Amino acid sequence: MRYSIMLQLVISIALLLLGAAALFAWLQSRTAEPQSNLEDTNQSLLHLFNPRTDKGLLRTHPPK
């Protein structure tokens, strides 16, 4: 009984590490996006989470 639990633990850890390695390899091998797309995304996120605007998700005052 102990052997089967230990085997399951070793296999699950090995699969977890293998999945993490595959994800890391995929992240390293993908091509980079053009800088303009990243800047547009950053501006959109900054506008969305800006508490000083009426449209921001993190506003501190109730809508008018």
N, C-alpha and C. Protein backbone atom coordinates (compact mmCIF):
# COMPACT_ATOMS: atom_id res chain seq x y z
N MET A 1 0.82 -1.19 0.00
CA MET A 1 0.00 0.00 0.00
C MET A 1 0.87 1.26 0.00
N ARG A 2 1.91 1.29 0.78
CA ARG A 2 2.78 2.46 0.84
C ARG A 2 3.49 2.69 -0.49
N TYR A 3 3.82 1.61 -1.17
CA TYR A 3 4.51 1.73 -2.44
C TYR A 3 3.62 2.43 -3.46
N SER A 4 2.35 2.09 -3.50
CA SER A 4 1.46 2.69 -4.49
C SER A 4 1.25 4.19 -4.21
N ILE A 5 1.14 4.57 -2.96
CA ILE A 5 1.00 5.99 -2.62
C ILE A 5 2.27 6.75 -3.00
N MET A 6 3.41 6.18 -2.70
CA MET A 6 4.68 6.82 -3.05
C MET A 6 4.82 6.93 -4.57
N LEU A 7 4.41 5.90 -5.28
CA LEU A 7 4.49 5.93 -6.74
C LEU A 7 3.57 7.00 -7.31
N GLN A 8 2.37 7.13 -6.77
CA GLN A 8 1.45 8.17 -7.22
C GLN A 8 2.02 9.56 -6.94
N LEU A 9 2.63 9.73 -5.81
CA LEU A 9 3.23 11.01 -5.46
C LEU A 9 4.38 11.36 -6.40
N VAL A 10 5.23 10.41 -6.68
CA VAL A 10 6.36 10.64 -7.59
C VAL A 10 5.87 10.94 -9.00
N ILE A 11 4.88 10.21 -9.46
CA ILE A 11 4.35 10.44 -10.81
C ILE A 11 3.67 11.80 -10.90
N SER A 12 2.91 12.17 -9.87
CA SER A 12 2.24 13.47 -9.92
C SER A 12 3.24 14.62 -9.88
N ILE A 13 4.29 14.51 -9.08
CA ILE A 13 5.32 15.55 -9.05
C ILE A 13 6.06 15.61 -10.38
N ALA A 14 6.34 14.45 -10.96
CA ALA A 14 7.04 14.42 -12.25
C ALA A 14 6.18 15.07 -13.34
N LEU A 15 4.87 14.79 -13.34
CA LEU A 15 3.98 15.40 -14.33
C LEU A 15 3.86 16.90 -14.13
N LEU A 16 3.83 17.33 -12.89
CA LEU A 16 3.78 18.76 -12.60
C LEU A 16 5.03 19.47 -13.11
N LEU A 17 6.19 18.89 -12.84
CA LEU A 17 7.44 19.50 -13.31
C LEU A 17 7.55 19.46 -14.83
N LEU A 18 7.07 18.39 -15.44
CA LEU A 18 7.09 18.29 -16.89
C LEU A 18 6.17 19.33 -17.52
N GLY A 19 5.01 19.52 -16.93
CA GLY A 19 4.09 20.55 -17.43
C GLY A 19 4.68 21.95 -17.28
N ALA A 20 5.32 22.21 -16.15
CA ALA A 20 5.95 23.52 -15.95
C ALA A 20 7.09 23.73 -16.95
N ALA A 21 7.85 22.69 -17.22
CA ALA A 21 8.95 22.80 -18.20
C ALA A 21 8.39 23.05 -19.60
N ALA A 22 7.30 22.38 -19.94
CA ALA A 22 6.69 22.60 -21.26
C ALA A 22 6.15 24.02 -21.38
N LEU A 23 5.53 24.52 -20.34
CA LEU A 23 5.03 25.90 -20.35
C LEU A 23 6.18 26.90 -20.47
N PHE A 24 7.24 26.67 -19.74
CA PHE A 24 8.40 27.56 -19.81
C PHE A 24 9.03 27.51 -21.20
N ALA A 25 9.14 26.33 -21.79
CA ALA A 25 9.71 26.21 -23.14
C ALA A 25 8.82 26.92 -24.16
N TRP A 26 7.50 26.81 -24.00
CA TRP A 26 6.59 27.49 -24.92
C TRP A 26 6.73 29.01 -24.77
N LEU A 27 6.82 29.50 -23.55
CA LEU A 27 6.98 30.93 -23.35
C LEU A 27 8.28 31.45 -23.94
N GLN A 28 9.33 30.66 -23.84
CA GLN A 28 10.62 31.08 -24.36
C GLN A 28 10.68 31.05 -25.88
N SER A 29 9.91 30.17 -26.51
CA SER A 29 10.04 29.99 -27.95
C SER A 29 9.05 30.82 -28.76
N ARG A 30 8.07 31.42 -28.12
CA ARG A 30 7.09 32.18 -28.90
C ARG A 30 7.67 33.52 -29.34
N THR A 31 7.13 34.05 -30.42
CA THR A 31 7.65 35.29 -30.96
C THR A 31 7.08 36.47 -30.15
N ALA A 32 7.85 37.52 -30.10
CA ALA A 32 7.45 38.71 -29.35
C ALA A 32 6.46 39.52 -30.17
N GLU A 33 5.52 40.16 -29.47
CA GLU A 33 4.56 41.03 -30.14
C GLU A 33 5.23 42.35 -30.47
N PRO A 34 4.73 43.02 -31.51
CA PRO A 34 5.27 44.35 -31.81
C PRO A 34 5.05 45.31 -30.63
N GLN A 35 5.93 46.27 -30.49
CA GLN A 35 5.88 47.18 -29.35
C GLN A 35 4.60 48.01 -29.33
N SER A 36 4.08 48.38 -30.50
CA SER A 36 2.88 49.22 -30.54
C SER A 36 1.68 48.50 -29.92
N ASN A 37 1.54 47.19 -30.15
CA ASN A 37 0.44 46.45 -29.54
C ASN A 37 0.57 46.43 -28.02
N LEU A 38 1.78 46.29 -27.51
CA LEU A 38 1.98 46.28 -26.07
C LEU A 38 1.67 47.64 -25.46
N GLU A 39 2.04 48.71 -26.16
CA GLU A 39 1.75 50.05 -25.64
C GLU A 39 0.25 50.31 -25.63
N ASP A 40 -0.47 49.88 -26.66
CA ASP A 40 -1.91 50.04 -26.69
C ASP A 40 -2.57 49.27 -25.56
N THR A 41 -2.10 48.06 -25.30
CA THR A 41 -2.64 47.25 -24.21
C THR A 41 -2.37 47.91 -22.87
N ASN A 42 -1.17 48.44 -22.68
CA ASN A 42 -0.84 49.11 -21.43
C ASN A 42 -1.72 50.33 -21.21
N GLN A 43 -1.94 51.11 -22.25
CA GLN A 43 -2.79 52.29 -22.13
C GLN A 43 -4.23 51.90 -21.81
N SER A 44 -4.72 50.84 -22.43
CA SER A 44 -6.08 50.38 -22.16
C SER A 44 -6.22 49.92 -20.71
N LEU A 45 -5.22 49.18 -20.21
CA LEU A 45 -5.28 48.70 -18.83
C LEU A 45 -5.17 49.86 -17.84
N LEU A 46 -4.32 50.83 -18.14
CA LEU A 46 -4.19 51.98 -17.25
C LEU A 46 -5.49 52.77 -17.19
N HIS A 47 -6.15 52.92 -18.34
CA HIS A 47 -7.42 53.65 -18.37
C HIS A 47 -8.51 52.86 -17.65
N LEU A 48 -8.51 51.55 -17.79
CA LEU A 48 -9.54 50.72 -17.19
C LEU A 48 -9.45 50.72 -15.67
N PHE A 49 -8.24 50.69 -15.12
CA PHE A 49 -8.06 50.61 -13.68
C PHE A 49 -7.72 51.95 -13.03
N ASN A 50 -7.95 53.04 -13.75
CA ASN A 50 -7.66 54.36 -13.20
C ASN A 50 -8.79 54.78 -12.28
N PRO A 51 -8.53 55.00 -10.99
CA PRO A 51 -9.61 55.37 -10.06
C PRO A 51 -10.08 56.81 -10.24
N ARG A 52 -9.36 57.61 -10.99
CA ARG A 52 -9.71 59.03 -11.14
C ARG A 52 -10.73 59.27 -12.25
N THR A 53 -11.04 58.25 -13.06
CA THR A 53 -12.01 58.42 -14.13
C THR A 53 -13.34 57.80 -13.73
N ASP A 54 -14.40 58.23 -14.37
CA ASP A 54 -15.72 57.68 -14.08
C ASP A 54 -15.88 56.27 -14.63
N LYS A 55 -15.06 55.90 -15.62
CA LYS A 55 -15.18 54.59 -16.25
C LYS A 55 -14.28 53.54 -15.61
N GLY A 56 -13.40 53.96 -14.71
CA GLY A 56 -12.46 53.01 -14.11
C GLY A 56 -13.15 52.02 -13.19
N LEU A 57 -12.63 50.81 -13.12
CA LEU A 57 -13.20 49.77 -12.27
C LEU A 57 -12.94 50.03 -10.80
N LEU A 58 -11.91 50.78 -10.49
CA LEU A 58 -11.51 50.99 -9.10
C LEU A 58 -11.93 52.35 -8.58
N ARG A 59 -13.02 52.89 -9.09
CA ARG A 59 -13.43 54.21 -8.65
C ARG A 59 -13.84 54.19 -7.18
N THR A 60 -13.58 55.28 -6.50
CA THR A 60 -13.86 55.36 -5.07
C THR A 60 -15.14 56.10 -4.77
N HIS A 61 -15.73 56.74 -5.77
CA HIS A 61 -16.97 57.47 -5.56
C HIS A 61 -18.08 56.82 -6.37
N PRO A 62 -19.34 56.95 -5.95
CA PRO A 62 -20.43 56.32 -6.69
C PRO A 62 -20.65 57.03 -8.04
N PRO A 63 -21.18 56.32 -9.02
CA PRO A 63 -21.40 56.94 -10.33
C PRO A 63 -22.45 58.05 -10.23
N LYS A 64 -22.31 59.05 -11.07
CA LYS A 64 -23.24 60.20 -11.05
C LYS A 64 -24.46 59.93 -11.89
